[in-house]
Amino acid sequence: MASRDSATGNGRGAGSSAARAAVLERIRAATRGEPLEVAVPRDYATRSPLAGDALVDRFADRVSSYRASVHRCAPDEIAQRVVVLARERGARRVAVAPAVPDDWRPDGLEVVIDRGMAASALDRIDGAVTGCALAIAETGTLVLDGGPRCGRRALTLVPDWRLFVVEAGQVVGSVPEAVAALHEAASAGRPLTFVSGPSATSDIELSRVEGVHGPRTLDVVLVAPK
């Protein structure tokens, strides 16, 4: 392995620190230590023009484009839909967030309530079922806020199969709308996780690999009255 001389700044040694300090000193000299007043335009759209069924349809379309599967059902069909999807995915043992409603929990499967399971135990789970804080139509993104119905972040990142239940009323149009709605959770310091499709990376030779940083397979059960 070739070595680098830290004194010359080739690497992250003393030379690099000295160069950084020099750049910062030039910035301070140019601004005389006074904060720069930069006008940031805020005239971008903050709300989606869509509403109702059109908003939900846009979300479903965007989610599908990320190689996630969307399954629509009525409120009283959630558990049945979860069972069908679990069997299709070969899942027999699933974890759920602590506040997932009883009528979301499927019969015929082993259901484990996640109350701080170790990562090694989660890794032996076939899949996880939770709700979400909200969903963003324009980006096809699911947002988790660490609440009892969403579960902790590990429940989303460790199991290989992930199923989210999204109620139609949770779908917002745009990212600014989502940010505004998440203000309370952010102020409380709860972790916010944004999920857009299955985990995927193209870091190695631009070849897409799924399941490296999170679930390999993602299903969304979209709930709306018929």
Protein backbone atom coordinates (compact mmCIF):
# COMPACT_ATOMS: atom_id res chain seq x y z
CA MET A 1 0.00 0.00 0.00
CA ALA A 2 1.41 3.41 -0.94
CA SER A 3 1.94 5.79 1.96
CA ARG A 4 1.04 9.45 2.01
CA ASP A 5 3.07 12.24 3.53
CA SER A 6 0.81 14.05 6.00
CA ALA A 7 3.16 17.03 6.03
CA THR A 8 2.36 17.82 2.41
CA GLY A 9 -1.40 17.64 2.89
CA ASN A 10 -1.77 14.44 0.87
CA GLY A 11 -4.21 12.62 3.16
CA ARG A 12 -5.87 13.54 6.40
CA GLY A 13 -2.83 14.36 8.51
CA ALA A 14 -1.32 17.62 9.78
CA GLY A 15 -0.92 19.04 6.29
CA SER A 16 -4.61 18.66 5.58
CA SER A 17 -5.51 20.37 8.87
CA ALA A 18 -3.14 23.23 8.09
CA ALA A 19 -4.66 23.73 4.64
CA ARG A 20 -8.16 23.74 6.09
CA ALA A 21 -7.15 26.28 8.72
CA ALA A 22 -5.66 28.51 6.02
CA VAL A 23 -8.86 28.42 3.97
CA LEU A 24 -10.99 29.27 6.99
CA GLU A 25 -8.66 32.14 7.91
CA ARG A 26 -9.04 33.59 4.40
CA ILE A 27 -12.84 33.38 4.72
CA ARG A 28 -12.73 35.16 8.07
CA ALA A 29 -10.46 37.85 6.64
CA ALA A 30 -12.77 38.36 3.63
CA THR A 31 -15.86 38.73 5.77
CA ARG A 32 -14.12 40.58 8.64
CA GLY A 33 -15.72 38.08 11.00
CA GLU A 34 -19.21 39.36 10.20
CA PRO A 35 -21.98 36.87 9.35
CA LEU A 36 -23.03 36.91 5.72
CA GLU A 37 -26.63 37.83 5.04
CA VAL A 38 -27.79 35.59 2.21
CA ALA A 39 -31.31 35.90 0.89
CA VAL A 40 -32.79 32.44 0.38
CA PRO A 41 -35.82 32.38 -1.95
CA ARG A 42 -38.82 30.62 -0.42
CA ASP A 43 -41.18 30.86 -3.35
CA TYR A 44 -41.19 27.12 -4.11
CA ALA A 45 -44.44 25.19 -3.99
CA THR A 46 -45.31 24.07 -0.46
CA ARG A 47 -48.50 22.16 -1.20
CA SER A 48 -49.52 19.62 -3.78
CA PRO A 49 -52.48 20.53 -6.02
CA LEU A 50 -53.75 16.96 -5.66
CA ALA A 51 -56.31 15.80 -3.12
CA GLY A 52 -58.49 12.81 -2.30
CA ASP A 53 -58.24 9.79 -4.58
CA ALA A 54 -55.83 11.56 -6.94
CA LEU A 55 -53.39 12.08 -4.07
CA VAL A 56 -53.56 8.43 -3.01
CA ASP A 57 -53.21 7.27 -6.63
CA ARG A 58 -50.08 9.40 -7.06
CA PHE A 59 -48.55 7.86 -3.95
CA ALA A 60 -49.33 4.32 -5.15
CA ASP A 61 -47.80 5.08 -8.56
CA ARG A 62 -44.62 6.54 -7.07
CA VAL A 63 -44.18 3.64 -4.61
CA SER A 64 -44.52 1.12 -7.43
CA SER A 65 -41.79 2.87 -9.41
CA TYR A 66 -39.35 2.04 -6.60
CA ARG A 67 -39.91 -1.72 -7.03
CA ALA A 68 -42.14 -1.87 -3.98
CA SER A 69 -45.53 -3.55 -4.20
CA VAL A 70 -48.77 -1.74 -3.37
CA HIS A 71 -51.87 -3.63 -2.27
CA ARG A 72 -55.15 -1.84 -1.67
CA CYS A 73 -57.72 -3.10 0.80
CA ALA A 74 -60.58 -2.04 3.08
CA PRO A 75 -59.95 -1.47 6.82
CA ASP A 76 -61.44 -4.84 7.78
CA GLU A 77 -59.22 -6.72 5.31
CA ILE A 78 -55.79 -5.74 6.65
CA ALA A 79 -54.97 -8.90 8.61
CA GLN A 80 -56.12 -11.12 5.73
CA ARG A 81 -53.95 -9.17 3.31
CA VAL A 82 -50.95 -9.46 5.62
CA VAL A 83 -51.38 -13.24 5.77
CA VAL A 84 -51.55 -13.54 1.99
CA LEU A 85 -48.44 -11.40 1.50
CA ALA A 86 -46.53 -13.23 4.22
CA ARG A 87 -47.21 -16.57 2.55
CA GLU A 88 -46.13 -15.18 -0.81
CA ARG A 89 -42.87 -13.99 0.78
CA GLY A 90 -42.31 -17.24 2.64
CA ALA A 91 -42.62 -15.54 6.02
CA ARG A 92 -43.88 -17.54 8.98
CA ARG A 93 -42.58 -15.45 11.87
CA VAL A 94 -43.13 -11.70 11.84
CA ALA A 95 -42.38 -8.90 14.26
CA VAL A 96 -44.79 -6.03 14.86
CA ALA A 97 -44.42 -2.64 16.50
CA PRO A 98 -45.85 -2.47 20.05
CA ALA A 99 -48.94 -0.42 19.14
CA VAL A 100 -49.90 -2.22 15.92
CA PRO A 101 -53.67 -2.81 16.30
CA ASP A 102 -54.90 -6.32 17.01
CA ASP A 103 -56.92 -6.36 13.79
CA TRP A 104 -53.70 -5.86 11.79
CA ARG A 105 -52.08 -8.94 13.34
CA PRO A 106 -52.55 -11.99 11.15
CA ASP A 107 -53.85 -15.36 12.29
CA GLY A 108 -51.84 -18.38 11.20
CA LEU A 109 -48.46 -16.69 11.65
CA GLU A 110 -46.20 -16.42 14.66
CA VAL A 111 -46.39 -12.78 15.70
CA VAL A 112 -43.67 -11.33 17.94
CA ILE A 113 -44.10 -7.90 19.52
CA ASP A 114 -40.83 -5.99 19.31
CA ARG A 115 -40.00 -4.66 22.75
CA GLY A 116 -36.32 -4.10 22.21
CA MET A 117 -35.30 -7.38 20.63
CA ALA A 118 -31.58 -7.81 20.03
CA ALA A 119 -30.38 -7.32 16.45
CA SER A 120 -29.44 -11.00 16.28
CA ALA A 121 -33.02 -11.97 17.22
CA LEU A 122 -34.47 -9.53 14.69
CA ASP A 123 -32.22 -11.05 12.05
CA ARG A 124 -33.97 -14.40 12.59
CA ILE A 125 -37.38 -12.81 12.01
CA ASP A 126 -38.84 -13.34 8.54
CA GLY A 127 -40.39 -9.89 8.30
CA ALA A 128 -41.82 -6.89 10.11
CA VAL A 129 -45.24 -5.22 10.03
CA THR A 130 -45.87 -1.66 11.22
CA GLY A 131 -47.77 1.47 10.44
CA CYS A 132 -46.17 4.77 9.49
CA ALA A 133 -46.29 8.40 10.57
CA LEU A 134 -47.26 9.59 7.08
CA ALA A 135 -46.59 9.00 3.40
CA ILE A 136 -45.53 11.48 0.70
CA ALA A 137 -47.34 11.23 -2.62
CA GLU A 138 -44.89 13.09 -4.86
CA THR A 139 -41.88 11.03 -3.81
CA GLY A 140 -43.51 7.72 -2.89
CA THR A 141 -41.87 7.95 0.52
CA LEU A 142 -42.95 6.37 3.81
CA VAL A 143 -41.96 8.26 6.95
CA LEU A 144 -41.52 6.68 10.37
CA ASP A 145 -41.29 8.78 13.54
CA GLY A 146 -40.22 6.18 16.08
CA GLY A 147 -43.68 6.13 17.68
CA PRO A 148 -45.27 2.95 19.05
CA ARG A 149 -47.14 2.18 15.83
CA CYS A 150 -44.04 2.76 13.67
CA GLY A 151 -41.61 0.95 15.93
CA ARG A 152 -37.93 1.63 16.37
CA ARG A 153 -35.56 2.06 13.45
CA ALA A 154 -33.98 -1.41 13.85
CA LEU A 155 -37.35 -3.00 13.12
CA THR A 156 -37.24 -1.40 9.68
CA LEU A 157 -33.56 -1.97 8.87
CA VAL A 158 -32.87 -5.54 10.02
CA PRO A 159 -35.64 -7.90 8.74
CA ASP A 160 -35.38 -8.83 5.08
CA TRP A 161 -39.09 -8.31 4.36
CA ARG A 162 -40.94 -5.17 5.41
CA LEU A 163 -44.66 -4.43 5.26
CA PHE A 164 -46.11 -0.99 5.95
CA VAL A 165 -49.79 -0.31 6.53
CA VAL A 166 -50.70 3.14 5.20
CA GLU A 167 -54.12 4.63 5.74
CA ALA A 168 -55.35 6.94 2.96
CA GLY A 169 -55.69 9.86 5.38
CA GLN A 170 -51.96 9.66 6.16
CA VAL A 171 -50.92 10.54 2.61
CA VAL A 172 -49.70 14.12 2.15
CA GLY A 173 -48.82 15.69 -1.17
CA SER A 174 -45.30 17.08 -0.88
CA VAL A 175 -42.12 17.04 1.17
CA PRO A 176 -42.79 20.52 2.67
CA GLU A 177 -46.19 19.28 3.87
CA ALA A 178 -44.52 16.25 5.42
CA VAL A 179 -41.88 18.36 7.17
CA ALA A 180 -44.56 20.60 8.66
CA ALA A 181 -46.56 17.59 9.87
CA LEU A 182 -43.47 16.05 11.47
CA HIS A 183 -42.61 19.13 13.51
CA GLU A 184 -43.85 17.70 16.80
CA ALA A 185 -41.92 14.44 16.43
CA ALA A 186 -38.75 16.30 15.44
CA SER A 187 -39.09 18.72 18.36
CA ALA A 188 -39.44 15.77 20.71
CA GLY A 189 -36.18 14.34 19.36
CA ARG A 190 -37.74 11.20 17.94
CA PRO A 191 -35.83 9.56 15.04
CA LEU A 192 -37.31 10.18 11.60
CA THR A 193 -36.77 7.54 8.94
CA PHE A 194 -37.64 8.14 5.28
CA VAL A 195 -38.14 4.98 3.21
CA SER A 196 -38.48 5.08 -0.58
CA GLY A 197 -38.65 1.50 -1.80
CA PRO A 198 -36.50 -1.49 -0.84
CA SER A 199 -32.93 -0.88 0.30
CA ALA A 200 -30.64 -0.60 -2.74
CA THR A 201 -27.13 0.48 -3.59
CA SER A 202 -25.09 0.77 -6.77
CA ASP A 203 -21.78 1.52 -5.08
CA ILE A 204 -19.90 -1.42 -6.62
CA GLU A 205 -19.41 -1.09 -10.39
CA LEU A 206 -22.84 0.57 -10.68
CA SER A 207 -24.55 -2.80 -10.21
CA ARG A 208 -27.81 -2.51 -8.28
CA VAL A 209 -27.84 -4.67 -5.14
CA GLU A 210 -30.89 -4.78 -2.89
CA GLY A 211 -31.09 -5.58 0.80
CA VAL A 212 -27.67 -4.33 1.88
CA HIS A 213 -28.76 -1.49 4.15
CA GLY A 214 -32.32 -2.56 4.92
CA PRO A 215 -35.21 -4.71 3.68
CA ARG A 216 -34.77 -6.47 0.36
CA THR A 217 -38.53 -6.69 -0.21
CA LEU A 218 -41.07 -4.00 0.62
CA ASP A 219 -44.87 -4.22 0.53
CA VAL A 220 -47.31 -1.39 1.19
CA VAL A 221 -50.88 -2.13 2.23
CA LEU A 222 -52.86 0.96 1.29
CA VAL A 223 -56.07 1.15 3.29
CA ALA A 224 -59.12 3.06 2.12
CA PRO A 225 -62.87 2.50 2.57
CA LYS A 226 -64.52 0.90 -0.44
